């Protein structure tokens, strides 16, 4: 399903507002476009989802947010998938705020992400996009 061939590609650095130069506006266009025309229930199979998740785990928090947002926009309102992606975006934001030295904002975003996570799974133990309910703790602790 993926149009992208080199899944090892990463931006030259992680963008941190106020600390590093912002990437060009089109740097993630190919990655974001890989999910175009794909049913939202199959996003896990796209390189868009793969990159967004890899960026989150590798400390590219702003980049993760940018890519996840392309998927979030395509999910139906109030769907579990949309809530999960929104939680992942907030987790990326939480880590980014920590890197920026904004601990109060980070604490606030952690609460928002946790609430969205609970709403996404709604007591179910079934994975969404291969993500399990108990993955939250691990994702909250990435800080590459």
C-alpha atoms as a PDB file:
ATOM      1  CA  UNK A   1       0.000   0.000   0.000  1.00  0.00           C
ATOM      2  CA  UNK A   2       2.936   2.340   0.670  1.00  0.00           C
ATOM      3  CA  UNK A   3       4.239   4.512  -2.138  1.00  0.00           C
ATOM      4  CA  UNK A   4       7.347   5.293  -0.129  1.00  0.00           C
ATOM      5  CA  UNK A   5      10.396   3.147  -0.491  1.00  0.00           C
ATOM      6  CA  UNK A   6      12.867   4.407   2.093  1.00  0.00           C
ATOM      7  CA  UNK A   7      11.258   4.044   5.510  1.00  0.00           C
ATOM      8  CA  UNK A   8      14.603   4.860   7.125  1.00  0.00           C
ATOM      9  CA  UNK A   9      14.400   8.533   6.074  1.00  0.00           C
ATOM     10  CA  UNK A  10      14.325  11.110   8.864  1.00  0.00           C
ATOM     11  CA  UNK A  11      14.506  14.895   8.771  1.00  0.00           C
ATOM     12  CA  UNK A  12      18.033  16.208   9.385  1.00  0.00           C
ATOM     13  CA  UNK A  13      17.036  17.308  12.926  1.00  0.00           C
ATOM     14  CA  UNK A  14      14.038  17.475  15.241  1.00  0.00           C
ATOM     15  CA  UNK A  15      12.360  20.860  15.069  1.00  0.00           C
ATOM     16  CA  UNK A  16      11.919  22.544  18.443  1.00  0.00           C
ATOM     17  CA  UNK A  17      10.241  25.967  18.255  1.00  0.00           C
ATOM     18  CA  UNK A  18      12.551  28.696  19.493  1.00  0.00           C
ATOM     19  CA  UNK A  19      15.553  26.350  19.419  1.00  0.00           C
ATOM     20  CA  UNK A  20      15.980  25.046  15.867  1.00  0.00           C
ATOM     21  CA  UNK A  21      15.091  26.186  12.367  1.00  0.00           C
ATOM     22  CA  UNK A  22      11.635  25.145  11.151  1.00  0.00           C
ATOM     23  CA  UNK A  23      11.508  22.610   8.317  1.00  0.00           C
ATOM     24  CA  UNK A  24      10.230  23.671   4.898  1.00  0.00           C
ATOM     25  CA  UNK A  25       6.448  23.507   4.585  1.00  0.00           C
ATOM     26  CA  UNK A  26       6.550  20.681   2.037  1.00  0.00           C
ATOM     27  CA  UNK A  27       9.034  18.360   3.764  1.00  0.00           C
ATOM     28  CA  UNK A  28       6.346  15.822   4.762  1.00  0.00           C
ATOM     29  CA  UNK A  29       4.033  16.085   1.745  1.00  0.00           C
ATOM     30  CA  UNK A  30       4.970  12.695   0.279  1.00  0.00           C
ATOM     31  CA  UNK A  31       4.571  11.014   3.654  1.00  0.00           C
ATOM     32  CA  UNK A  32       1.194  12.655   4.314  1.00  0.00           C
ATOM     33  CA  UNK A  33      -0.064  11.843   0.829  1.00  0.00           C
ATOM     34  CA  UNK A  34       0.576   8.116   1.240  1.00  0.00           C
ATOM     35  CA  UNK A  35      -2.701   7.813   3.167  1.00  0.00           C
ATOM     36  CA  UNK A  36      -4.798   9.732   0.635  1.00  0.00           C
ATOM     37  CA  UNK A  37      -7.610   7.605  -0.698  1.00  0.00           C
ATOM     38  CA  UNK A  38      -7.088   4.977   2.022  1.00  0.00           C
ATOM     39  CA  UNK A  39     -10.017   4.081   4.268  1.00  0.00           C
ATOM     40  CA  UNK A  40      -9.334   5.391   7.769  1.00  0.00           C
ATOM     41  CA  UNK A  41      -9.648   1.877   9.201  1.00  0.00           C
ATOM     42  CA  UNK A  42      -6.553   0.865   7.193  1.00  0.00           C
ATOM     43  CA  UNK A  43      -4.266   3.749   8.211  1.00  0.00           C
ATOM     44  CA  UNK A  44      -2.067   1.341  10.165  1.00  0.00           C
ATOM     45  CA  UNK A  45      -0.941  -0.098   6.822  1.00  0.00           C
ATOM     46  CA  UNK A  46       0.282   3.230   5.453  1.00  0.00           C
ATOM     47  CA  UNK A  47       3.739   4.700   5.677  1.00  0.00           C
ATOM     48  CA  UNK A  48       2.010   7.841   6.962  1.00  0.00           C
ATOM     49  CA  UNK A  49       1.070   6.056  10.179  1.00  0.00           C
ATOM     50  CA  UNK A  50       4.420   4.260  10.310  1.00  0.00           C
ATOM     51  CA  UNK A  51       6.412   7.489  10.022  1.00  0.00           C
ATOM     52  CA  UNK A  52       4.250   9.377  12.530  1.00  0.00           C
ATOM     53  CA  UNK A  53       4.703   6.590  15.074  1.00  0.00           C
ATOM     54  CA  UNK A  54       8.439   6.251  14.406  1.00  0.00           C
ATOM     55  CA  UNK A  55       8.905  10.017  14.724  1.00  0.00           C
ATOM     56  CA  UNK A  56       7.113   9.955  18.084  1.00  0.00           C
ATOM     57  CA  UNK A  57       9.272   7.130  19.411  1.00  0.00           C
ATOM     58  CA  UNK A  58      12.501   8.693  18.111  1.00  0.00           C
ATOM     59  CA  UNK A  59      12.043  12.175  19.526  1.00  0.00           C
ATOM     60  CA  UNK A  60      10.820  13.967  16.392  1.00  0.00           C
ATOM     61  CA  UNK A  61       7.798  15.263  18.277  1.00  0.00           C
ATOM     62  CA  UNK A  62       6.816  18.245  16.147  1.00  0.00           C
ATOM     63  CA  UNK A  63       7.265  16.108  13.042  1.00  0.00           C
ATOM     64  CA  UNK A  64       5.113  13.332  14.517  1.00  0.00           C
ATOM     65  CA  UNK A  65       2.325  15.809  15.222  1.00  0.00           C
ATOM     66  CA  UNK A  66       2.457  17.156  11.672  1.00  0.00           C
ATOM     67  CA  UNK A  67       2.163  13.702  10.119  1.00  0.00           C
ATOM     68  CA  UNK A  68      -0.445  12.336  12.550  1.00  0.00           C
ATOM     69  CA  UNK A  69      -2.570  15.415  11.889  1.00  0.00           C
ATOM     70  CA  UNK A  70      -2.947  14.415   8.233  1.00  0.00           C
ATOM     71  CA  UNK A  71      -4.540  11.152   9.414  1.00  0.00           C
ATOM     72  CA  UNK A  72      -6.601  12.776  12.158  1.00  0.00           C
ATOM     73  CA  UNK A  73      -8.235  15.095   9.638  1.00  0.00           C
ATOM     74  CA  UNK A  74      -9.455  12.097   7.624  1.00  0.00           C
ATOM     75  CA  UNK A  75     -11.041  10.148  10.499  1.00  0.00           C
ATOM     76  CA  UNK A  76     -14.780  10.377  11.178  1.00  0.00           C
ATOM     77  CA  UNK A  77     -15.773  12.677  14.056  1.00  0.00           C
ATOM     78  CA  UNK A  78     -15.997  10.969  17.439  1.00  0.00           C
ATOM     79  CA  UNK A  79     -14.518   7.718  16.104  1.00  0.00           C
ATOM     80  CA  UNK A  80     -12.169   5.697  18.295  1.00  0.00           C
ATOM     81  CA  UNK A  81      -9.526   6.043  15.605  1.00  0.00           C
ATOM     82  CA  UNK A  82      -9.777   9.844  15.594  1.00  0.00           C
ATOM     83  CA  UNK A  83      -9.547   9.955  19.393  1.00  0.00           C
ATOM     84  CA  UNK A  84      -6.518   7.650  19.405  1.00  0.00           C
ATOM     85  CA  UNK A  85      -4.701   9.754  16.818  1.00  0.00           C
ATOM     86  CA  UNK A  86      -5.601  12.906  18.741  1.00  0.00           C
ATOM     87  CA  UNK A  87      -4.161  11.299  21.892  1.00  0.00           C
ATOM     88  CA  UNK A  88      -0.959  10.456  19.997  1.00  0.00           C
ATOM     89  CA  UNK A  89      -0.756  14.069  18.783  1.00  0.00           C
ATOM     90  CA  UNK A  90      -1.123  15.322  22.348  1.00  0.00           C
ATOM     91  CA  UNK A  91       1.557  12.889  23.552  1.00  0.00           C
ATOM     92  CA  UNK A  92       3.899  14.295  20.895  1.00  0.00           C
ATOM     93  CA  UNK A  93       2.970  17.806  21.997  1.00  0.00           C
ATOM     94  CA  UNK A  94       3.573  16.866  25.635  1.00  0.00           C
ATOM     95  CA  UNK A  95       7.110  15.704  24.841  1.00  0.00           C
ATOM     96  CA  UNK A  96       7.756  18.746  22.667  1.00  0.00           C
ATOM     97  CA  UNK A  97       6.733  21.089  25.487  1.00  0.00           C
ATOM     98  CA  UNK A  98       9.139  19.249  27.806  1.00  0.00           C
ATOM     99  CA  UNK A  99      11.961  19.824  25.306  1.00  0.00           C
ATOM    100  CA  UNK A 100      10.983  23.487  25.214  1.00  0.00           C
ATOM    101  CA  UNK A 101      11.162  23.727  29.009  1.00  0.00           C
ATOM    102  CA  UNK A 102       7.430  24.291  29.387  1.00  0.00           C
ATOM    103  CA  UNK A 103       6.628  21.750  32.103  1.00  0.00           C
ATOM    104  CA  UNK A 104       3.211  23.211  33.036  1.00  0.00           C
ATOM    105  CA  UNK A 105       2.010  22.874  29.444  1.00  0.00           C
ATOM    106  CA  UNK A 106       3.434  19.365  29.342  1.00  0.00           C
ATOM    107  CA  UNK A 107       1.472  18.324  32.445  1.00  0.00           C
ATOM    108  CA  UNK A 108      -1.727  19.774  30.961  1.00  0.00           C
ATOM    109  CA  UNK A 109      -1.192  17.939  27.665  1.00  0.00           C
ATOM    110  CA  UNK A 110      -0.483  14.672  29.481  1.00  0.00           C
ATOM    111  CA  UNK A 111      -3.918  14.889  31.128  1.00  0.00           C
ATOM    112  CA  UNK A 112      -5.603  15.653  27.815  1.00  0.00           C
ATOM    113  CA  UNK A 113      -3.808  12.756  26.100  1.00  0.00           C
ATOM    114  CA  UNK A 114      -4.752  10.351  28.890  1.00  0.00           C
ATOM    115  CA  UNK A 115      -8.417  11.350  28.695  1.00  0.00           C
ATOM    116  CA  UNK A 116      -8.485  10.965  24.904  1.00  0.00           C
ATOM    117  CA  UNK A 117      -6.764   7.591  25.240  1.00  0.00           C
ATOM    118  CA  UNK A 118      -9.452   6.381  27.630  1.00  0.00           C
ATOM    119  CA  UNK A 119     -12.187   7.643  25.309  1.00  0.00           C
ATOM    120  CA  UNK A 120     -10.580   5.931  22.308  1.00  0.00           C
ATOM    121  CA  UNK A 121     -10.461   2.518  23.944  1.00  0.00           C
ATOM    122  CA  UNK A 122     -13.608   2.988  26.037  1.00  0.00           C
ATOM    123  CA  UNK A 123     -12.809   0.004  28.257  1.00  0.00           C
ATOM    124  CA  UNK A 124     -11.919  -2.272  25.329  1.00  0.00           C
ATOM    125  CA  UNK A 125      -8.690  -4.237  25.216  1.00  0.00           C
ATOM    126  CA  UNK A 126      -8.777  -4.503  21.417  1.00  0.00           C
ATOM    127  CA  UNK A 127      -5.940  -2.709  19.615  1.00  0.00           C
ATOM    128  CA  UNK A 128      -6.601   0.267  17.369  1.00  0.00           C
ATOM    129  CA  UNK A 129      -4.094   0.545  14.529  1.00  0.00           C
ATOM    130  CA  UNK A 130      -1.997  -2.046  16.350  1.00  0.00           C
ATOM    131  CA  UNK A 131      -1.841   0.184  19.421  1.00  0.00           C
ATOM    132  CA  UNK A 132      -2.970  -1.455  22.664  1.00  0.00           C
ATOM    133  CA  UNK A 133      -4.522   0.276  25.655  1.00  0.00           C
ATOM    134  CA  UNK A 134      -1.493  -0.525  27.815  1.00  0.00           C
ATOM    135  CA  UNK A 135       0.893   1.184  25.345  1.00  0.00           C
ATOM    136  CA  UNK A 136       0.032   4.584  26.847  1.00  0.00           C
ATOM    137  CA  UNK A 137       2.575   4.325  29.647  1.00  0.00           C
ATOM    138  CA  UNK A 138       5.433   3.572  27.262  1.00  0.00           C
ATOM    139  CA  UNK A 139       4.489   6.403  24.910  1.00  0.00           C
ATOM    140  CA  UNK A 140       4.301   8.845  27.794  1.00  0.00           C
ATOM    141  CA  UNK A 141       7.896   8.056  28.738  1.00  0.00           C
ATOM    142  CA  UNK A 142       9.642   8.490  25.382  1.00  0.00           C
ATOM    143  CA  UNK A 143      11.934  11.454  25.627  1.00  0.00           C
ATOM    144  CA  UNK A 144      14.635  10.958  23.037  1.00  0.00           C
END
